Amino acid sequence: MTTAHDTATAAASGANATERFKSDKLVGVEGTPPERVSTLAREVLEAVHATIRKHKVTYAEYNALKAWLINVGEDGEWPLFLDVWVEHVVEEVATEHREGNKGTIEGPYYVPDAPEQGSKGAVPMREDEPGTPLTWTGRVTTTDGSALAGATVELWHADADGFYSQFAPGLPEWNLRGTFTTDADGNFEIRTVRPASYQIPTDGACGKLIAAAGWHAWRPAHLHVKVSAPGHELLTAQLYFPGDEHNDDDIASAVKPELMLDPKPVAGGEAIEYGFVLDPS
């Protein structure tokens, strides 16, 4: 089996994430009033100024920051940096009104239009895909408990080496990525493999920050999902597995108790039950 373990680089993954971001994320801010732009920009800069004054930042430290910021851009790691260290707060603010399921960050490796697998099927995977087979059943409803037939559940996750298809070489295009549509009762069943915890790329600019700060680079094992239905708010979430040593110190600060799974052993692997409640839009 071909793997990406020895050939994936932060620069390559970063370049892919940057291009993907530019192709499908730069929408929704047209017409933003200058007053709001000014307020946000000014307050971010004021926070930077306050940090410099509080800690008496030196010119050597300032120049190191400039060099590092240039390095982040050269490596294409702005999506990674922002998604790991900033997005969880944006998500928290954006969804604080919801009565339905809790969400969390999307991360930099989402790709739209994964192959449709119906209401019951398996994500595309290699014939000898490593990992414990995992069967996931669930139901999508609205906040009043009504089933949402025809709801879309998009699933993607890393392989056993911690790599995502389309962002690392040696992986089939849609490996471990699939789209499922709920049946008349809002039900779905997905077959995949249990992912492993992994480190975010550390050979680029983000890795330099992690090393300099003495942080770790680990994310706990997780399944990414986007759940949507007409007339309802899009839910973006990650689902986690109990017992992972990085659930409590996730580098991306994205773990929430409501997103914890409860896998049960079954013949040939594991099974989980987890459904979604979507808020009306």
C-alpha atoms as a PDB file:
ATOM      1  CA  MET A   1       0.000   0.000   0.000  1.00  0.00           C
ATOM      2  CA  THR A   2       1.285   3.448  -0.886  1.00  0.00           C
ATOM      3  CA  THR A   3       1.396   5.799   2.073  1.00  0.00           C
ATOM      4  CA  ALA A   4       2.038   9.498   2.462  1.00  0.00           C
ATOM      5  CA  HIS A   5       4.007   9.130   5.661  1.00  0.00           C
ATOM      6  CA  ASP A   6       7.477   9.786   4.247  1.00  0.00           C
ATOM      7  CA  THR A   7       6.557  12.289   1.549  1.00  0.00           C
ATOM      8  CA  ALA A   8       3.978  14.726   2.955  1.00  0.00           C
ATOM      9  CA  THR A   9       5.317  18.169   3.826  1.00  0.00           C
ATOM     10  CA  ALA A  10       3.880  21.185   5.575  1.00  0.00           C
ATOM     11  CA  ALA A  11       4.556  23.328   2.502  1.00  0.00           C
ATOM     12  CA  ALA A  12       2.661  20.982   0.183  1.00  0.00           C
ATOM     13  CA  SER A  13      -0.277  20.599   2.569  1.00  0.00           C
ATOM     14  CA  GLY A  14      -0.269  24.332   3.229  1.00  0.00           C
ATOM     15  CA  ALA A  15      -0.289  25.181  -0.460  1.00  0.00           C
ATOM     16  CA  ASN A  16      -3.237  22.852  -1.038  1.00  0.00           C
ATOM     17  CA  ALA A  17      -5.158  24.313   1.922  1.00  0.00           C
ATOM     18  CA  THR A  18      -4.484  27.867   0.759  1.00  0.00           C
ATOM     19  CA  GLU A  19      -5.673  27.186  -2.793  1.00  0.00           C
ATOM     20  CA  ARG A  20      -8.777  25.403  -1.505  1.00  0.00           C
ATOM     21  CA  PHE A  21      -9.556  28.323   0.798  1.00  0.00           C
ATOM     22  CA  LYS A  22      -9.228  30.864  -1.999  1.00  0.00           C
ATOM     23  CA  SER A  23     -11.511  28.818  -4.243  1.00  0.00           C
ATOM     24  CA  ASP A  24     -14.513  28.405  -1.932  1.00  0.00           C
ATOM     25  CA  LYS A  25     -14.287  30.571   1.187  1.00  0.00           C
ATOM     26  CA  LEU A  26     -13.930  34.185   0.028  1.00  0.00           C
ATOM     27  CA  VAL A  27     -17.627  34.957   0.056  1.00  0.00           C
ATOM     28  CA  GLY A  28     -20.072  36.581   2.447  1.00  0.00           C
ATOM     29  CA  VAL A  29     -18.268  39.788   3.415  1.00  0.00           C
ATOM     30  CA  GLU A  30     -19.117  41.924   0.409  1.00  0.00           C
ATOM     31  CA  GLY A  31     -20.587  45.216   1.518  1.00  0.00           C
ATOM     32  CA  THR A  32     -19.206  45.084   5.056  1.00  0.00           C
ATOM     33  CA  PRO A  33     -19.475  48.669   6.392  1.00  0.00           C
ATOM     34  CA  PRO A  34     -16.130  50.473   6.679  1.00  0.00           C
ATOM     35  CA  GLU A  35     -16.982  51.261  10.308  1.00  0.00           C
ATOM     36  CA  ARG A  36     -16.992  47.546  11.194  1.00  0.00           C
ATOM     37  CA  VAL A  37     -13.762  46.906   9.285  1.00  0.00           C
ATOM     38  CA  SER A  38     -12.169  49.841  11.104  1.00  0.00           C
ATOM     39  CA  THR A  39     -13.383  48.662  14.514  1.00  0.00           C
ATOM     40  CA  LEU A  40     -12.139  45.106  14.096  1.00  0.00           C
ATOM     41  CA  ALA A  41      -8.780  46.107  12.605  1.00  0.00           C
ATOM     42  CA  ARG A  42      -8.188  48.805  15.203  1.00  0.00           C
ATOM     43  CA  GLU A  43      -8.998  46.579  18.174  1.00  0.00           C
ATOM     44  CA  VAL A  44      -6.802  43.735  16.912  1.00  0.00           C
ATOM     45  CA  LEU A  45      -3.924  46.171  16.487  1.00  0.00           C
ATOM     46  CA  GLU A  46      -4.591  47.695  19.912  1.00  0.00           C
ATOM     47  CA  ALA A  47      -4.375  44.200  21.441  1.00  0.00           C
ATOM     48  CA  VAL A  48      -1.007  43.694  19.720  1.00  0.00           C
ATOM     49  CA  HIS A  49       0.186  47.088  20.947  1.00  0.00           C
ATOM     50  CA  ALA A  50      -0.892  46.255  24.495  1.00  0.00           C
ATOM     51  CA  THR A  51       1.060  42.971  24.404  1.00  0.00           C
ATOM     52  CA  ILE A  52       4.188  44.776  23.179  1.00  0.00           C
ATOM     53  CA  ARG A  53       3.944  47.347  25.956  1.00  0.00           C
ATOM     54  CA  LYS A  54       3.099  44.839  28.682  1.00  0.00           C
ATOM     55  CA  HIS A  55       5.995  42.521  27.878  1.00  0.00           C
ATOM     56  CA  LYS A  56       8.422  45.185  26.578  1.00  0.00           C
ATOM     57  CA  VAL A  57       8.992  43.386  23.286  1.00  0.00           C
ATOM     58  CA  THR A  58      12.484  44.015  21.885  1.00  0.00           C
ATOM     59  CA  TYR A  59      13.445  44.854  18.304  1.00  0.00           C
ATOM     60  CA  ALA A  60      15.078  41.441  17.989  1.00  0.00           C
ATOM     61  CA  GLU A  61      11.790  39.780  18.976  1.00  0.00           C
ATOM     62  CA  TYR A  62       9.844  42.073  16.654  1.00  0.00           C
ATOM     63  CA  ASN A  63      12.099  41.222  13.715  1.00  0.00           C
ATOM     64  CA  ALA A  64      11.806  37.523  14.513  1.00  0.00           C
ATOM     65  CA  LEU A  65       8.021  37.922  14.368  1.00  0.00           C
ATOM     66  CA  LYS A  66       8.244  39.645  10.976  1.00  0.00           C
ATOM     67  CA  ALA A  67      10.433  36.864   9.619  1.00  0.00           C
ATOM     68  CA  TRP A  68       8.062  34.227  10.976  1.00  0.00           C
ATOM     69  CA  LEU A  69       4.979  35.922   9.490  1.00  0.00           C
ATOM     70  CA  ILE A  70       6.716  35.989   6.101  1.00  0.00           C
ATOM     71  CA  ASN A  71       7.532  32.282   6.574  1.00  0.00           C
ATOM     72  CA  VAL A  72       3.870  31.464   7.323  1.00  0.00           C
ATOM     73  CA  GLY A  73       2.873  32.996   3.996  1.00  0.00           C
ATOM     74  CA  GLU A  74       5.675  31.325   2.056  1.00  0.00           C
ATOM     75  CA  ASP A  75       4.643  27.926   3.460  1.00  0.00           C
ATOM     76  CA  GLY A  76       0.974  28.581   2.710  1.00  0.00           C
ATOM     77  CA  GLU A  77       0.177  27.916   6.366  1.00  0.00           C
ATOM     78  CA  TRP A  78      -2.207  30.771   7.132  1.00  0.00           C
ATOM     79  CA  PRO A  79      -5.230  28.419   6.890  1.00  0.00           C
ATOM     80  CA  LEU A  80      -3.520  25.987   9.264  1.00  0.00           C
ATOM     81  CA  PHE A  81      -2.448  28.694  11.719  1.00  0.00           C
ATOM     82  CA  LEU A  82      -5.848  30.392  11.856  1.00  0.00           C
ATOM     83  CA  ASP A  83      -7.847  27.151  11.964  1.00  0.00           C
ATOM     84  CA  VAL A  84      -5.723  25.700  14.771  1.00  0.00           C
ATOM     85  CA  TRP A  85      -5.387  28.739  17.026  1.00  0.00           C
ATOM     86  CA  VAL A  86      -8.221  31.138  16.173  1.00  0.00           C
ATOM     87  CA  GLU A  87     -11.195  29.378  14.574  1.00  0.00           C
ATOM     88  CA  HIS A  88     -12.524  27.753  17.763  1.00  0.00           C
ATOM     89  CA  VAL A  89     -13.409  31.190  19.178  1.00  0.00           C
ATOM     90  CA  VAL A  90     -15.056  32.329  15.935  1.00  0.00           C
ATOM     91  CA  GLU A  91     -17.116  29.122  15.929  1.00  0.00           C
ATOM     92  CA  GLU A  92     -18.099  29.623  19.564  1.00  0.00           C
ATOM     93  CA  VAL A  93     -19.417  33.126  18.870  1.00  0.00           C
ATOM     94  CA  ALA A  94     -21.121  32.179  15.602  1.00  0.00           C
ATOM     95  CA  THR A  95     -23.130  29.301  17.113  1.00  0.00           C
ATOM     96  CA  GLU A  96     -23.806  30.439  20.686  1.00  0.00           C
ATOM     97  CA  HIS A  97     -27.507  30.943  19.887  1.00  0.00           C
ATOM     98  CA  ARG A  98     -28.170  27.372  18.813  1.00  0.00           C
ATOM     99  CA  GLU A  99     -30.565  25.027  20.574  1.00  0.00           C
ATOM    100  CA  GLY A 100     -29.537  21.956  18.566  1.00  0.00           C
ATOM    101  CA  ASN A 101     -26.211  20.179  18.352  1.00  0.00           C
ATOM    102  CA  LYS A 102     -22.968  21.818  19.329  1.00  0.00           C
ATOM    103  CA  GLY A 103     -20.431  22.246  16.572  1.00  0.00           C
ATOM    104  CA  THR A 104     -16.735  22.943  16.421  1.00  0.00           C
ATOM    105  CA  ILE A 105     -14.083  24.002  13.923  1.00  0.00           C
ATOM    106  CA  GLU A 106     -14.011  22.942  10.289  1.00  0.00           C
ATOM    107  CA  GLY A 107     -10.220  22.849  10.031  1.00  0.00           C
ATOM    108  CA  PRO A 108      -8.196  23.361   6.840  1.00  0.00           C
ATOM    109  CA  TYR A 109      -8.842  20.033   5.073  1.00  0.00           C
ATOM    110  CA  TYR A 110     -12.504  20.083   4.043  1.00  0.00           C
ATOM    111  CA  VAL A 111     -13.281  19.378   0.381  1.00  0.00           C
ATOM    112  CA  PRO A 112     -16.838  19.789  -0.974  1.00  0.00           C
ATOM    113  CA  ASP A 113     -18.641  17.366  -3.273  1.00  0.00           C
ATOM    114  CA  ALA A 114     -17.361  14.096  -1.824  1.00  0.00           C
ATOM    115  CA  PRO A 115     -18.956  11.044  -3.527  1.00  0.00           C
ATOM    116  CA  GLU A 116     -22.615  10.392  -2.657  1.00  0.00           C
ATOM    117  CA  GLN A 117     -23.148   7.092  -0.836  1.00  0.00           C
ATOM    118  CA  GLY A 118     -26.900   7.166  -0.122  1.00  0.00           C
ATOM    119  CA  SER A 119     -28.383   6.724   3.359  1.00  0.00           C
ATOM    120  CA  LYS A 120     -26.444   3.535   4.055  1.00  0.00           C
ATOM    121  CA  GLY A 121     -22.962   2.882   2.747  1.00  0.00           C
ATOM    122  CA  ALA A 122     -19.202   3.097   3.194  1.00  0.00           C
ATOM    123  CA  VAL A 123     -16.832   5.974   2.602  1.00  0.00           C
ATOM    124  CA  PRO A 124     -14.403   5.374  -0.260  1.00  0.00           C
ATOM    125  CA  MET A 125     -11.279   3.713   1.085  1.00  0.00           C
ATOM    126  CA  ARG A 126      -8.374   1.566  -0.006  1.00  0.00           C
ATOM    127  CA  GLU A 127      -8.862  -2.180  -0.124  1.00  0.00           C
ATOM    128  CA  ASP A 128      -6.375  -2.637   2.701  1.00  0.00           C
ATOM    129  CA  GLU A 129      -7.216   0.578   4.595  1.00  0.00           C
ATOM    130  CA  PRO A 130      -5.627   0.336   8.063  1.00  0.00           C
ATOM    131  CA  GLY A 131      -7.741   0.982  11.138  1.00  0.00           C
ATOM    132  CA  THR A 132     -10.502  -0.659  13.152  1.00  0.00           C
ATOM    133  CA  PRO A 133     -13.726  -0.942  11.111  1.00  0.00           C
ATOM    134  CA  LEU A 134     -16.320   1.486  12.445  1.00  0.00           C
ATOM    135  CA  THR A 135     -20.075   1.473  11.816  1.00  0.00           C
ATOM    136  CA  TRP A 136     -21.892   4.696  12.644  1.00  0.00           C
ATOM    137  CA  THR A 137     -25.669   4.969  12.836  1.00  0.00           C
ATOM    138  CA  GLY A 138     -27.600   8.138  13.555  1.00  0.00           C
ATOM    139  CA  ARG A 139     -30.659  10.255  12.857  1.00  0.00           C
ATOM    140  CA  VAL A 140     -31.020  13.890  11.833  1.00  0.00           C
ATOM    141  CA  THR A 141     -33.936  15.871  13.283  1.00  0.00           C
ATOM    142  CA  THR A 142     -35.013  19.460  13.726  1.00  0.00           C
ATOM    143  CA  THR A 143     -35.319  21.065  17.153  1.00  0.00           C
ATOM    144  CA  ASP A 144     -38.937  19.941  17.576  1.00  0.00           C
ATOM    145  CA  GLY A 145     -37.914  16.306  17.090  1.00  0.00           C
ATOM    146  CA  SER A 146     -39.204  15.940  13.533  1.00  0.00           C
ATOM    147  CA  ALA A 147     -37.143  13.762  11.223  1.00  0.00           C
ATOM    148  CA  LEU A 148     -35.238  15.536   8.457  1.00  0.00           C
ATOM    149  CA  ALA A 149     -35.488  13.322   5.401  1.00  0.00           C
ATOM    150  CA  GLY A 150     -32.955  14.088   2.681  1.00  0.00           C
ATOM    151  CA  ALA A 151     -30.538  15.797   5.079  1.00  0.00           C
ATOM    152  CA  THR A 152     -26.896  15.700   4.002  1.00  0.00           C
ATOM    153  CA  VAL A 153     -24.127  14.285   6.195  1.00  0.00           C
ATOM    154  CA  GLU A 154     -20.627  14.928   4.854  1.00  0.00           C
ATOM    155  CA  LEU A 155     -17.864  12.924   6.523  1.00  0.00           C
ATOM    156  CA  TRP A 156     -14.107  13.223   6.171  1.00  0.00           C
ATOM    157  CA  HIS A 157     -11.193  12.220   8.372  1.00  0.00           C
ATOM    158  CA  ALA A 158      -7.506  11.395   8.407  1.00  0.00           C
ATOM    159  CA  ASP A 159      -6.106   7.950   7.736  1.00  0.00           C
ATOM    160  CA  ALA A 160      -4.162   5.854  10.235  1.00  0.00           C
ATOM    161  CA  ASP A 161      -1.012   7.888   9.518  1.00  0.00           C
ATOM    162  CA  GLY A 162      -2.775  11.195  10.172  1.00  0.00           C
ATOM    163  CA  PHE A 163      -3.014  12.302   6.539  1.00  0.00           C
ATOM    164  CA  TYR A 164      -5.965  13.647   4.556  1.00  0.00           C
ATOM    165  CA  SER A 165      -6.647  12.781   0.934  1.00  0.00           C
ATOM    166  CA  GLN A 166      -6.079  15.666  -1.491  1.00  0.00           C
ATOM    167  CA  PHE A 167      -3.637  17.243   0.978  1.00  0.00           C
ATOM    168  CA  ALA A 168      -0.951  14.545   1.017  1.00  0.00           C
ATOM    169  CA  PRO A 169       0.530  12.482  -1.815  1.00  0.00           C
ATOM    170  CA  GLY A 170      -0.020   8.758  -2.235  1.00  0.00           C
ATOM    171  CA  LEU A 171      -3.704   8.738  -1.283  1.00  0.00           C
ATOM    172  CA  PRO A 172      -6.695   8.143  -3.589  1.00  0.00           C
ATOM    173  CA  GLU A 173      -8.549  11.383  -4.360  1.00  0.00           C
ATOM    174  CA  TRP A 174     -11.607  10.715  -2.180  1.00  0.00           C
ATOM    175  CA  ASN A 175     -10.057   8.411   0.391  1.00  0.00           C
ATOM    176  CA  LEU A 176     -12.090   8.525   3.641  1.00  0.00           C
ATOM    177  CA  ARG A 177     -14.423  11.227   2.289  1.00  0.00           C
ATOM    178  CA  GLY A 178     -18.101  10.629   1.594  1.00  0.00           C
ATOM    179  CA  THR A 179     -21.521  12.289   1.434  1.00  0.00           C
ATOM    180  CA  PHE A 180     -24.607  10.566   2.851  1.00  0.00           C
ATOM    181  CA  THR A 181     -28.298  11.486   2.542  1.00  0.00           C
ATOM    182  CA  THR A 182     -30.782  10.534   5.254  1.00  0.00           C
ATOM    183  CA  ASP A 183     -33.747   8.274   4.483  1.00  0.00           C
ATOM    184  CA  ALA A 184     -37.445   9.083   4.949  1.00  0.00           C
ATOM    185  CA  ASP A 185     -37.073   8.748   8.738  1.00  0.00           C
ATOM    186  CA  GLY A 186     -33.934  10.880   8.934  1.00  0.00           C
ATOM    187  CA  ASN A 187     -31.667   7.864   9.475  1.00  0.00           C
ATOM    188  CA  PHE A 188     -28.202   7.140   8.112  1.00  0.00           C
ATOM    189  CA  GLU A 189     -25.588   4.409   8.474  1.00  0.00           C
ATOM    190  CA  ILE A 190     -21.933   4.948   7.626  1.00  0.00           C
ATOM    191  CA  ARG A 191     -19.096   2.432   7.467  1.00  0.00           C
ATOM    192  CA  THR A 192     -15.548   3.719   7.805  1.00  0.00           C
ATOM    193  CA  VAL A 193     -12.471   3.038   9.971  1.00  0.00           C
ATOM    194  CA  ARG A 194     -11.555   4.551  13.298  1.00  0.00           C
ATOM    195  CA  PRO A 195      -9.027   7.372  12.786  1.00  0.00           C
ATOM    196  CA  ALA A 196      -5.920   7.884  14.882  1.00  0.00           C
ATOM    197  CA  SER A 197      -4.660  10.948  16.723  1.00  0.00           C
ATOM    198  CA  TYR A 198      -2.032  12.861  14.758  1.00  0.00           C
ATOM    199  CA  GLN A 199       0.319  15.811  14.793  1.00  0.00           C
ATOM    200  CA  ILE A 200      -0.373  18.857  12.662  1.00  0.00           C
ATOM    201  CA  PRO A 201       2.498  19.527  10.190  1.00  0.00           C
ATOM    202  CA  THR A 202       5.608  20.583  12.094  1.00  0.00           C
ATOM    203  CA  ASP A 203       8.201  21.102   9.349  1.00  0.00           C
ATOM    204  CA  GLY A 204       6.848  24.542   8.409  1.00  0.00           C
ATOM    205  CA  ALA A 205       6.252  27.896  10.081  1.00  0.00           C
ATOM    206  CA  CYS A 206       3.583  26.590  12.482  1.00  0.00           C
ATOM    207  CA  GLY A 207       5.982  23.884  13.598  1.00  0.00           C
ATOM    208  CA  LYS A 208       8.611  26.534  14.323  1.00  0.00           C
ATOM    209  CA  LEU A 209       6.167  28.361  16.603  1.00  0.00           C
ATOM    210  CA  ILE A 210       5.252  25.127  18.373  1.00  0.00           C
ATOM    211  CA  ALA A 211       8.920  24.253  18.959  1.00  0.00           C
ATOM    212  CA  ALA A 212       9.868  27.768  20.094  1.00  0.00           C
ATOM    213  CA  ALA A 213       6.944  27.910  22.550  1.00  0.00           C
ATOM    214  CA  GLY A 214       7.502  24.405  23.883  1.00  0.00           C
ATOM    215  CA  TRP A 215       4.002  23.283  22.873  1.00  0.00           C
ATOM    216  CA  HIS A 216       2.934  19.927  21.480  1.00  0.00           C
ATOM    217  CA  ALA A 217       1.409  19.518  17.996  1.00  0.00           C
ATOM    218  CA  TRP A 218      -1.141  16.776  18.648  1.00  0.00           C
ATOM    219  CA  ARG A 219      -4.825  16.564  17.782  1.00  0.00           C
ATOM    220  CA  PRO A 220      -6.969  13.777  19.260  1.00  0.00           C
ATOM    221  CA  ALA A 221      -8.568  11.274  16.880  1.00  0.00           C
ATOM    222  CA  HIS A 222     -11.734  12.718  15.342  1.00  0.00           C
ATOM    223  CA  LEU A 223     -14.332  12.472  12.611  1.00  0.00           C
ATOM    224  CA  HIS A 224     -15.200  15.649  10.690  1.00  0.00           C
ATOM    225  CA  VAL A 225     -18.812  16.229   9.661  1.00  0.00           C
ATOM    226  CA  LYS A 226     -20.983  18.832   7.987  1.00  0.00           C
ATOM    227  CA  VAL A 227     -24.721  18.271   8.400  1.00  0.00           C
ATOM    228  CA  SER A 228     -27.231  20.302   6.406  1.00  0.00           C
ATOM    229  CA  ALA A 229     -30.888  20.371   5.373  1.00  0.00           C
ATOM    230  CA  PRO A 230     -32.999  22.950   3.531  1.00  0.00           C
ATOM    231  CA  GLY A 231     -34.376  25.589   5.898  1.00  0.00           C
ATOM    232  CA  HIS A 232     -31.873  24.726   8.636  1.00  0.00           C
ATOM    233  CA  GLU A 233     -28.520  26.046   9.781  1.00  0.00           C
ATOM    234  CA  LEU A 234     -25.433  24.194   8.616  1.00  0.00           C
ATOM    235  CA  LEU A 235     -23.745  22.258  11.427  1.00  0.00           C
ATOM    236  CA  THR A 236     -19.986  21.749  11.266  1.00  0.00           C
ATOM    237  CA  ALA A 237     -18.499  19.503  13.941  1.00  0.00           C
ATOM    238  CA  GLN A 238     -15.828  17.030  14.916  1.00  0.00           C
ATOM    239  CA  LEU A 239     -16.603  13.901  16.914  1.00  0.00           C
ATOM    240  CA  TYR A 240     -14.088  12.510  19.369  1.00  0.00           C
ATOM    241  CA  PHE A 241     -13.280   9.196  21.031  1.00  0.00           C
ATOM    242  CA  PRO A 242     -13.048   8.722  24.816  1.00  0.00           C
ATOM    243  CA  GLY A 243      -9.680   7.832  26.288  1.00  0.00           C
ATOM    244  CA  ASP A 244      -7.559   9.740  23.759  1.00  0.00           C
ATOM    245  CA  GLU A 245      -4.638  11.300  25.626  1.00  0.00           C
ATOM    246  CA  HIS A 246      -5.061  14.577  23.729  1.00  0.00           C
ATOM    247  CA  ASN A 247      -8.763  15.166  24.379  1.00  0.00           C
ATOM    248  CA  ASP A 248      -7.809  17.473  27.253  1.00  0.00           C
ATOM    249  CA  ASP A 249      -4.957  19.331  25.541  1.00  0.00           C
ATOM    250  CA  ASP A 250      -5.951  19.470  21.875  1.00  0.00           C
ATOM    251  CA  ILE A 251      -3.631  21.885  20.067  1.00  0.00           C
ATOM    252  CA  ALA A 252      -6.717  23.305  18.298  1.00  0.00           C
ATOM    253  CA  SER A 253      -8.840  23.657  21.475  1.00  0.00           C
ATOM    254  CA  ALA A 254     -11.776  22.117  19.591  1.00  0.00           C
ATOM    255  CA  VAL A 255     -12.943  19.286  21.896  1.00  0.00           C
ATOM    256  CA  LYS A 256     -16.327  19.671  23.624  1.00  0.00           C
ATOM    257  CA  PRO A 257     -18.028  17.159  25.955  1.00  0.00           C
ATOM    258  CA  GLU A 258     -21.122  17.127  23.717  1.00  0.00           C
ATOM    259  CA  LEU A 259     -19.006  15.844  20.819  1.00  0.00           C
ATOM    260  CA  MET A 260     -17.682  12.750  22.580  1.00  0.00           C
ATOM    261  CA  LEU A 261     -18.636   9.395  21.084  1.00  0.00           C
ATOM    262  CA  ASP A 262     -19.318   6.125  22.899  1.00  0.00           C
ATOM    263  CA  PRO A 263     -17.957   3.301  20.728  1.00  0.00           C
ATOM    264  CA  LYS A 264     -19.067  -0.254  21.474  1.00  0.00           C
ATOM    265  CA  PRO A 265     -17.198  -3.401  20.421  1.00  0.00           C
ATOM    266  CA  VAL A 266     -19.010  -5.501  17.821  1.00  0.00           C
ATOM    267  CA  ALA A 267     -18.027  -8.434  15.647  1.00  0.00           C
ATOM    268  CA  GLY A 268     -15.335  -7.215  13.272  1.00  0.00           C
ATOM    269  CA  GLY A 269     -14.862  -3.769  14.776  1.00  0.00           C
ATOM    270  CA  GLU A 270     -16.744  -1.045  16.650  1.00  0.00           C
ATOM    271  CA  ALA A 271     -20.145   0.645  16.446  1.00  0.00           C
ATOM    272  CA  ILE A 272     -21.264   4.148  17.428  1.00  0.00           C
ATOM    273  CA  GLU A 273     -24.632   5.870  17.621  1.00  0.00           C
ATOM    274  CA  TYR A 274     -24.697   9.630  17.276  1.00  0.00           C
ATOM    275  CA  GLY A 275     -27.363  11.846  15.738  1.00  0.00           C
ATOM    276  CA  PHE A 276     -27.816  15.534  14.998  1.00  0.00           C
ATOM    277  CA  VAL A 277     -30.398  18.181  15.822  1.00  0.00           C
ATOM    278  CA  LEU A 278     -30.373  21.124  13.404  1.00  0.00           C
ATOM    279  CA  ASP A 279     -31.658  24.592  14.208  1.00  0.00           C
ATOM    280  CA  PRO A 280     -34.081  26.209  11.755  1.00  0.00           C
ATOM    281  CA  SER A 281     -32.455  28.994   9.769  1.00  0.00           C
END
